[in-house]
Amino acid sequence: MEPNPNLDVKAAELTPHQKLQARLREITASQPMETAWEQLWKEGTSPWDAQGVNPVVAQLVKENQIREGRVLVPGCGSGYDVVAMASPNRRVVGLDISETALQIAKAHASKCSSSEFVQFLNADFFTYNPPQKFDAIFDYTFFCAFPPSVRPQWAEKMAELLALDGELITLIFPIADHEGGPPYAVSLEAYEEVLRPWGFQLTSCEDDIPSLARRKGQEKLARWARTVSRA
């Protein structure tokens, strides 16, 4: 997702990308979450979708910087990052509330050699109840989809889903100061505020990371260890 368009600008003056952002806000403001995201994917209003592997994910995979075992990607969308992470030693679950998004993801995965190590599930993150906890969770353009009032629930669910010695990887975006959303403006401090009470500790934060051109300077890669059940 990209920062929101200036709503004072006349519609005729908006760029195509800003028009998509305006439509995104319109739908999410007028429909429940469970139908809004499906509607957006159905009509192709998905300005957050990079339609390819995120440069940070590509680098993490190349450098073997993602834990082996069970990995979760909530709000996985078209699934490029899920497929890129998957390997014989890393089974990846892509979770999304939109069935249309998952159809796109499955079609992409079917063309890739790592497809047998991937599972896509149509489920609500907040009610998802897997049989096992995850060794790692990757969050990107997911935290920013929720208003600040929902963030404590997001953190509580992360703590529930992640193994006690697991790692949460957050690609923090968009680092900005605009009002409203989605995407809602975020910061490292916003993550720390809700994660710390659940026993998460920041282990590293990088801002010199590979990014898509239009997102350069608006992202940081933060990694969190969970070594206690609650702080």
C-alpha atoms as a PDB file:
ATOM      1  CA  MET A   1       0.000   0.000   0.000  1.00  0.00           C
ATOM      2  CA  GLU A   2       1.027   3.578  -0.615  1.00  0.00           C
ATOM      3  CA  PRO A   3       0.251   6.735   1.396  1.00  0.00           C
ATOM      4  CA  ASN A   4      -3.244   8.098   0.929  1.00  0.00           C
ATOM      5  CA  PRO A   5      -4.021  10.715  -1.727  1.00  0.00           C
ATOM      6  CA  ASN A   6      -4.798  14.257  -0.668  1.00  0.00           C
ATOM      7  CA  LEU A   7      -8.548  14.168  -0.431  1.00  0.00           C
ATOM      8  CA  ASP A   8      -8.773  17.927  -1.166  1.00  0.00           C
ATOM      9  CA  VAL A   9      -7.430  17.375  -4.663  1.00  0.00           C
ATOM     10  CA  LYS A  10     -10.168  17.191  -7.267  1.00  0.00           C
ATOM     11  CA  ALA A  11     -10.728  13.726  -8.670  1.00  0.00           C
ATOM     12  CA  ALA A  12      -9.801  14.866 -12.156  1.00  0.00           C
ATOM     13  CA  GLU A  13      -6.366  15.901 -10.880  1.00  0.00           C
ATOM     14  CA  LEU A  14      -5.566  12.579  -9.228  1.00  0.00           C
ATOM     15  CA  THR A  15      -3.000  10.257 -10.756  1.00  0.00           C
ATOM     16  CA  PRO A  16      -4.152   6.705 -11.602  1.00  0.00           C
ATOM     17  CA  HIS A  17      -2.438   5.455  -8.445  1.00  0.00           C
ATOM     18  CA  GLN A  18      -4.140   8.105  -6.300  1.00  0.00           C
ATOM     19  CA  LYS A  19      -7.496   7.132  -7.789  1.00  0.00           C
ATOM     20  CA  LEU A  20      -6.877   3.540  -6.699  1.00  0.00           C
ATOM     21  CA  GLN A  21      -6.036   4.801  -3.220  1.00  0.00           C
ATOM     22  CA  ALA A  22      -9.225   6.828  -3.087  1.00  0.00           C
ATOM     23  CA  ARG A  23     -11.261   3.802  -4.159  1.00  0.00           C
ATOM     24  CA  LEU A  24      -9.507   1.686  -1.520  1.00  0.00           C
ATOM     25  CA  ARG A  25     -10.558   4.100   1.195  1.00  0.00           C
ATOM     26  CA  GLU A  26     -14.079   4.341  -0.138  1.00  0.00           C
ATOM     27  CA  ILE A  27     -14.638   0.580  -0.055  1.00  0.00           C
ATOM     28  CA  THR A  28     -12.994  -0.062   3.314  1.00  0.00           C
ATOM     29  CA  ALA A  29     -14.991   2.782   4.872  1.00  0.00           C
ATOM     30  CA  SER A  30     -18.321   1.501   3.573  1.00  0.00           C
ATOM     31  CA  GLN A  31     -18.064  -2.279   3.975  1.00  0.00           C
ATOM     32  CA  PRO A  32     -17.125  -4.765   6.716  1.00  0.00           C
ATOM     33  CA  MET A  33     -13.538  -6.002   6.549  1.00  0.00           C
ATOM     34  CA  GLU A  34     -14.541  -9.497   5.452  1.00  0.00           C
ATOM     35  CA  THR A  35     -16.253  -8.189   2.302  1.00  0.00           C
ATOM     36  CA  ALA A  36     -14.223  -5.039   1.592  1.00  0.00           C
ATOM     37  CA  TRP A  37     -10.937  -6.756   0.743  1.00  0.00           C
ATOM     38  CA  GLU A  38     -12.668  -9.342  -1.439  1.00  0.00           C
ATOM     39  CA  GLN A  39     -14.439  -6.550  -3.322  1.00  0.00           C
ATOM     40  CA  LEU A  40     -11.161  -4.699  -3.867  1.00  0.00           C
ATOM     41  CA  TRP A  41      -9.394  -7.789  -5.218  1.00  0.00           C
ATOM     42  CA  LYS A  42     -12.353  -8.643  -7.457  1.00  0.00           C
ATOM     43  CA  GLU A  43     -12.358  -5.235  -9.108  1.00  0.00           C
ATOM     44  CA  GLY A  44      -8.561  -5.059  -9.318  1.00  0.00           C
ATOM     45  CA  THR A  45      -8.200  -2.212  -6.850  1.00  0.00           C
ATOM     46  CA  SER A  46      -5.015  -3.431  -5.186  1.00  0.00           C
ATOM     47  CA  PRO A  47      -2.452  -0.601  -5.114  1.00  0.00           C
ATOM     48  CA  TRP A  48      -0.537  -2.407  -2.353  1.00  0.00           C
ATOM     49  CA  ASP A  49       0.178  -5.391  -4.618  1.00  0.00           C
ATOM     50  CA  ALA A  50       3.728  -5.281  -5.997  1.00  0.00           C
ATOM     51  CA  GLN A  51       2.892  -8.140  -8.407  1.00  0.00           C
ATOM     52  CA  GLY A  52       6.244  -9.720  -7.707  1.00  0.00           C
ATOM     53  CA  VAL A  53       8.598 -10.742  -4.940  1.00  0.00           C
ATOM     54  CA  ASN A  54       9.436  -7.928  -2.562  1.00  0.00           C
ATOM     55  CA  PRO A  55      13.126  -6.943  -2.877  1.00  0.00           C
ATOM     56  CA  VAL A  56      13.643  -7.400   0.872  1.00  0.00           C
ATOM     57  CA  VAL A  57      12.199 -10.914   0.764  1.00  0.00           C
ATOM     58  CA  ALA A  58      14.422 -11.791  -2.187  1.00  0.00           C
ATOM     59  CA  GLN A  59      17.469 -10.629  -0.216  1.00  0.00           C
ATOM     60  CA  LEU A  60      16.444 -12.447   2.980  1.00  0.00           C
ATOM     61  CA  VAL A  61      15.958 -15.692   1.050  1.00  0.00           C
ATOM     62  CA  LYS A  62      19.254 -15.310  -0.814  1.00  0.00           C
ATOM     63  CA  GLU A  63      21.123 -14.722   2.445  1.00  0.00           C
ATOM     64  CA  ASN A  64      19.194 -17.463   4.285  1.00  0.00           C
ATOM     65  CA  GLN A  65      17.934 -14.948   6.828  1.00  0.00           C
ATOM     66  CA  ILE A  66      14.493 -16.463   7.357  1.00  0.00           C
ATOM     67  CA  ARG A  67      14.089 -19.223   9.915  1.00  0.00           C
ATOM     68  CA  GLU A  68      13.456 -22.743   8.784  1.00  0.00           C
ATOM     69  CA  GLY A  69      10.385 -24.572   9.994  1.00  0.00           C
ATOM     70  CA  ARG A  70       6.830 -23.221   9.819  1.00  0.00           C
ATOM     71  CA  VAL A  71       6.399 -19.668   8.523  1.00  0.00           C
ATOM     72  CA  LEU A  72       3.219 -17.573   8.357  1.00  0.00           C
ATOM     73  CA  VAL A  73       2.511 -14.661   6.012  1.00  0.00           C
ATOM     74  CA  PRO A  74      -0.789 -13.011   7.045  1.00  0.00           C
ATOM     75  CA  GLY A  75      -2.533 -10.900   4.421  1.00  0.00           C
ATOM     76  CA  CYS A  76      -0.462 -12.672   1.777  1.00  0.00           C
ATOM     77  CA  GLY A  77      -2.417 -11.325  -1.208  1.00  0.00           C
ATOM     78  CA  SER A  78      -1.111 -12.643  -4.512  1.00  0.00           C
ATOM     79  CA  GLY A  79       1.399 -14.846  -2.699  1.00  0.00           C
ATOM     80  CA  TYR A  80       4.682 -13.962  -4.400  1.00  0.00           C
ATOM     81  CA  ASP A  81       6.532 -13.608  -1.099  1.00  0.00           C
ATOM     82  CA  VAL A  82       5.044 -16.839   0.233  1.00  0.00           C
ATOM     83  CA  VAL A  83       6.304 -18.832  -2.744  1.00  0.00           C
ATOM     84  CA  ALA A  84       9.719 -17.142  -2.636  1.00  0.00           C
ATOM     85  CA  MET A  85      10.226 -18.110   1.013  1.00  0.00           C
ATOM     86  CA  ALA A  86       9.130 -21.734   0.634  1.00  0.00           C
ATOM     87  CA  SER A  87      11.665 -24.560   0.538  1.00  0.00           C
ATOM     88  CA  PRO A  88      12.019 -28.186   1.692  1.00  0.00           C
ATOM     89  CA  ASN A  89      13.133 -26.842   5.070  1.00  0.00           C
ATOM     90  CA  ARG A  90      10.651 -23.983   5.248  1.00  0.00           C
ATOM     91  CA  ARG A  91       6.922 -24.678   4.948  1.00  0.00           C
ATOM     92  CA  VAL A  92       5.042 -21.429   4.413  1.00  0.00           C
ATOM     93  CA  VAL A  93       1.373 -20.695   5.057  1.00  0.00           C
ATOM     94  CA  GLY A  94      -0.159 -17.751   3.206  1.00  0.00           C
ATOM     95  CA  LEU A  95      -3.275 -16.446   4.908  1.00  0.00           C
ATOM     96  CA  ASP A  96      -5.778 -14.071   3.349  1.00  0.00           C
ATOM     97  CA  ILE A  97      -9.388 -13.095   3.878  1.00  0.00           C
ATOM     98  CA  SER A  98      -9.950 -12.716   0.123  1.00  0.00           C
ATOM     99  CA  GLU A  99     -10.666 -15.845  -1.888  1.00  0.00           C
ATOM    100  CA  THR A 100      -9.969 -13.939  -5.115  1.00  0.00           C
ATOM    101  CA  ALA A 101      -6.481 -13.011  -3.876  1.00  0.00           C
ATOM    102  CA  LEU A 102      -5.802 -16.642  -3.027  1.00  0.00           C
ATOM    103  CA  GLN A 103      -6.918 -17.805  -6.466  1.00  0.00           C
ATOM    104  CA  ILE A 104      -4.269 -15.497  -7.923  1.00  0.00           C
ATOM    105  CA  ALA A 105      -1.712 -16.797  -5.419  1.00  0.00           C
ATOM    106  CA  LYS A 106      -2.451 -20.440  -6.167  1.00  0.00           C
ATOM    107  CA  ALA A 107      -2.202 -19.842  -9.912  1.00  0.00           C
ATOM    108  CA  HIS A 108       1.228 -18.273  -9.422  1.00  0.00           C
ATOM    109  CA  ALA A 109       2.393 -21.008  -7.052  1.00  0.00           C
ATOM    110  CA  SER A 110       1.365 -23.750  -9.476  1.00  0.00           C
ATOM    111  CA  LYS A 111       4.073 -22.542 -11.871  1.00  0.00           C
ATOM    112  CA  CYS A 112       6.849 -22.663  -9.253  1.00  0.00           C
ATOM    113  CA  SER A 113       8.991 -25.557  -8.079  1.00  0.00           C
ATOM    114  CA  SER A 114       8.442 -24.641  -4.420  1.00  0.00           C
ATOM    115  CA  SER A 115       4.645 -25.009  -4.627  1.00  0.00           C
ATOM    116  CA  GLU A 116       4.644 -28.283  -2.660  1.00  0.00           C
ATOM    117  CA  PHE A 117       6.001 -26.417   0.367  1.00  0.00           C
ATOM    118  CA  VAL A 118       3.227 -23.788   0.313  1.00  0.00           C
ATOM    119  CA  GLN A 119      -0.278 -23.761   1.743  1.00  0.00           C
ATOM    120  CA  PHE A 120      -2.786 -20.977   1.089  1.00  0.00           C
ATOM    121  CA  LEU A 121      -5.711 -20.579   3.484  1.00  0.00           C
ATOM    122  CA  ASN A 122      -8.794 -18.394   3.230  1.00  0.00           C
ATOM    123  CA  ALA A 123      -9.190 -17.286   6.842  1.00  0.00           C
ATOM    124  CA  ASP A 124      -9.460 -14.289   9.139  1.00  0.00           C
ATOM    125  CA  PHE A 125      -6.144 -13.669  10.880  1.00  0.00           C
ATOM    126  CA  PHE A 126      -7.858 -12.755  14.157  1.00  0.00           C
ATOM    127  CA  THR A 127      -9.787 -16.032  14.404  1.00  0.00           C
ATOM    128  CA  TYR A 128      -7.240 -18.320  12.727  1.00  0.00           C
ATOM    129  CA  ASN A 129      -6.450 -21.316  14.928  1.00  0.00           C
ATOM    130  CA  PRO A 130      -3.663 -23.478  13.437  1.00  0.00           C
ATOM    131  CA  PRO A 131      -2.721 -26.888  14.873  1.00  0.00           C
ATOM    132  CA  GLN A 132       0.860 -25.707  15.546  1.00  0.00           C
ATOM    133  CA  LYS A 133       2.573 -22.435  16.323  1.00  0.00           C
ATOM    134  CA  PHE A 134       4.933 -20.834  13.804  1.00  0.00           C
ATOM    135  CA  ASP A 135       8.703 -20.494  13.928  1.00  0.00           C
ATOM    136  CA  ALA A 136       8.560 -17.196  12.032  1.00  0.00           C
ATOM    137  CA  ILE A 137       5.938 -14.706  10.878  1.00  0.00           C
ATOM    138  CA  PHE A 138       6.438 -12.107   8.150  1.00  0.00           C
ATOM    139  CA  ASP A 139       4.235  -8.985   8.174  1.00  0.00           C
ATOM    140  CA  TYR A 140       4.157  -6.498   5.304  1.00  0.00           C
ATOM    141  CA  THR A 141       1.306  -4.178   4.236  1.00  0.00           C
ATOM    142  CA  PHE A 142      -0.791  -5.942   6.887  1.00  0.00           C
ATOM    143  CA  PHE A 143      -0.263  -3.984  10.119  1.00  0.00           C
ATOM    144  CA  CYS A 144      -0.873  -0.780   8.180  1.00  0.00           C
ATOM    145  CA  ALA A 145      -4.240  -2.054   6.941  1.00  0.00           C
ATOM    146  CA  PHE A 146      -5.753  -1.682  10.417  1.00  0.00           C
ATOM    147  CA  PRO A 147      -6.633   1.501  12.289  1.00  0.00           C
ATOM    148  CA  PRO A 148      -4.540   2.145  15.421  1.00  0.00           C
ATOM    149  CA  SER A 149      -7.377   0.917  17.651  1.00  0.00           C
ATOM    150  CA  VAL A 150      -6.959  -2.625  16.243  1.00  0.00           C
ATOM    151  CA  ARG A 151      -3.187  -2.811  16.689  1.00  0.00           C
ATOM    152  CA  PRO A 152      -3.265  -4.249  20.244  1.00  0.00           C
ATOM    153  CA  GLN A 153      -5.383  -7.145  18.927  1.00  0.00           C
ATOM    154  CA  TRP A 154      -2.874  -7.636  16.104  1.00  0.00           C
ATOM    155  CA  ALA A 155      -0.029  -7.918  18.630  1.00  0.00           C
ATOM    156  CA  GLU A 156      -1.948 -10.301  20.881  1.00  0.00           C
ATOM    157  CA  LYS A 157      -2.682 -12.580  17.927  1.00  0.00           C
ATOM    158  CA  MET A 158       0.954 -12.494  16.823  1.00  0.00           C
ATOM    159  CA  ALA A 159       1.947 -13.651  20.305  1.00  0.00           C
ATOM    160  CA  GLU A 160      -0.635 -16.432  20.124  1.00  0.00           C
ATOM    161  CA  LEU A 161       0.537 -17.690  16.725  1.00  0.00           C
ATOM    162  CA  LEU A 162       4.305 -17.447  17.199  1.00  0.00           C
ATOM    163  CA  ALA A 163       6.323 -20.073  19.045  1.00  0.00           C
ATOM    164  CA  LEU A 164       7.878 -18.807  22.269  1.00  0.00           C
ATOM    165  CA  ASP A 165      11.358 -18.777  20.705  1.00  0.00           C
ATOM    166  CA  GLY A 166      10.073 -17.655  17.286  1.00  0.00           C
ATOM    167  CA  GLU A 167      10.855 -14.523  15.285  1.00  0.00           C
ATOM    168  CA  LEU A 168       8.534 -11.849  13.935  1.00  0.00           C
ATOM    169  CA  ILE A 169       9.824 -10.012  10.864  1.00  0.00           C
ATOM    170  CA  THR A 170       8.066  -6.733  10.112  1.00  0.00           C
ATOM    171  CA  LEU A 171       8.684  -4.698   6.986  1.00  0.00           C
ATOM    172  CA  ILE A 172       7.431  -1.402   8.375  1.00  0.00           C
ATOM    173  CA  PHE A 173       5.493   0.613   5.788  1.00  0.00           C
ATOM    174  CA  PRO A 174       4.394   3.349   5.173  1.00  0.00           C
ATOM    175  CA  ILE A 175       6.555   5.459   7.483  1.00  0.00           C
ATOM    176  CA  ALA A 176       4.667   8.701   7.045  1.00  0.00           C
ATOM    177  CA  ASP A 177       2.466  11.190   8.883  1.00  0.00           C
ATOM    178  CA  HIS A 178      -0.710  11.266   6.787  1.00  0.00           C
ATOM    179  CA  GLU A 179      -4.142  11.011   8.383  1.00  0.00           C
ATOM    180  CA  GLY A 180      -6.539   8.111   7.924  1.00  0.00           C
ATOM    181  CA  GLY A 181      -6.195   4.992   5.867  1.00  0.00           C
ATOM    182  CA  PRO A 182      -5.728   2.352   4.799  1.00  0.00           C
ATOM    183  CA  PRO A 183      -2.859   2.345   4.616  1.00  0.00           C
ATOM    184  CA  TYR A 184      -2.487   3.954   8.014  1.00  0.00           C
ATOM    185  CA  ALA A 185       0.778   5.723   8.731  1.00  0.00           C
ATOM    186  CA  VAL A 186       3.118   3.639  10.894  1.00  0.00           C
ATOM    187  CA  SER A 187       6.407   3.920  12.753  1.00  0.00           C
ATOM    188  CA  LEU A 188       8.811   1.673  14.615  1.00  0.00           C
ATOM    189  CA  GLU A 189       7.436   3.128  17.850  1.00  0.00           C
ATOM    190  CA  ALA A 190       3.890   2.101  16.892  1.00  0.00           C
ATOM    191  CA  TYR A 191       5.009  -1.521  16.637  1.00  0.00           C
ATOM    192  CA  GLU A 192       7.021  -1.363  19.866  1.00  0.00           C
ATOM    193  CA  GLU A 193       4.089   0.060  21.788  1.00  0.00           C
ATOM    194  CA  VAL A 194       1.840  -2.937  21.099  1.00  0.00           C
ATOM    195  CA  LEU A 195       4.443  -5.715  20.876  1.00  0.00           C
ATOM    196  CA  ARG A 196       6.420  -5.058  24.052  1.00  0.00           C
ATOM    197  CA  PRO A 197       3.561  -6.016  26.432  1.00  0.00           C
ATOM    198  CA  TRP A 198       3.489  -9.443  24.783  1.00  0.00           C
ATOM    199  CA  GLY A 199       7.156 -10.198  25.391  1.00  0.00           C
ATOM    200  CA  PHE A 200       8.574  -9.129  22.025  1.00  0.00           C
ATOM    201  CA  GLN A 201      12.008  -7.499  21.960  1.00  0.00           C
ATOM    202  CA  LEU A 202      13.449  -5.608  19.012  1.00  0.00           C
ATOM    203  CA  THR A 203      16.647  -7.341  17.893  1.00  0.00           C
ATOM    204  CA  SER A 204      17.461  -5.263  14.800  1.00  0.00           C
ATOM    205  CA  CYS A 205      16.108  -2.445  12.648  1.00  0.00           C
ATOM    206  CA  GLU A 206      17.465  -1.518   9.228  1.00  0.00           C
ATOM    207  CA  ASP A 207      16.511   1.376   6.975  1.00  0.00           C
ATOM    208  CA  ASP A 208      19.142   0.770   4.293  1.00  0.00           C
ATOM    209  CA  ILE A 209      17.173  -1.975   2.576  1.00  0.00           C
ATOM    210  CA  PRO A 210      16.213  -2.758  -1.026  1.00  0.00           C
ATOM    211  CA  SER A 211      12.800  -1.267  -1.835  1.00  0.00           C
ATOM    212  CA  LEU A 212      10.505  -0.692  -4.743  1.00  0.00           C
ATOM    213  CA  ALA A 213      11.280   2.723  -6.235  1.00  0.00           C
ATOM    214  CA  ARG A 214       7.980   4.278  -5.168  1.00  0.00           C
ATOM    215  CA  ARG A 215       8.451   3.069  -1.582  1.00  0.00           C
ATOM    216  CA  LYS A 216      12.068   4.105  -1.099  1.00  0.00           C
ATOM    217  CA  GLY A 217      12.583   5.927   2.171  1.00  0.00           C
ATOM    218  CA  GLN A 218       9.231   4.812   3.575  1.00  0.00           C
ATOM    219  CA  GLU A 219      10.299   1.384   4.862  1.00  0.00           C
ATOM    220  CA  LYS A 220      12.334  -0.208   7.635  1.00  0.00           C
ATOM    221  CA  LEU A 221      13.009  -3.860   8.326  1.00  0.00           C
ATOM    222  CA  ALA A 222      12.559  -4.747  12.001  1.00  0.00           C
ATOM    223  CA  ARG A 223      13.082  -8.138  13.590  1.00  0.00           C
ATOM    224  CA  TRP A 224      11.592  -9.154  16.921  1.00  0.00           C
ATOM    225  CA  ALA A 225      12.419 -12.021  19.266  1.00  0.00           C
ATOM    226  CA  ARG A 226       9.817 -13.468  21.588  1.00  0.00           C
ATOM    227  CA  THR A 227      11.492 -15.062  24.580  1.00  0.00           C
ATOM    228  CA  VAL A 228       8.819 -14.587  27.264  1.00  0.00           C
ATOM    229  CA  SER A 229       5.055 -15.070  27.130  1.00  0.00           C
ATOM    230  CA  ARG A 230       4.323 -11.545  28.374  1.00  0.00           C
ATOM    231  CA  ALA A 231       6.519  -8.691  29.529  1.00  0.00           C
END
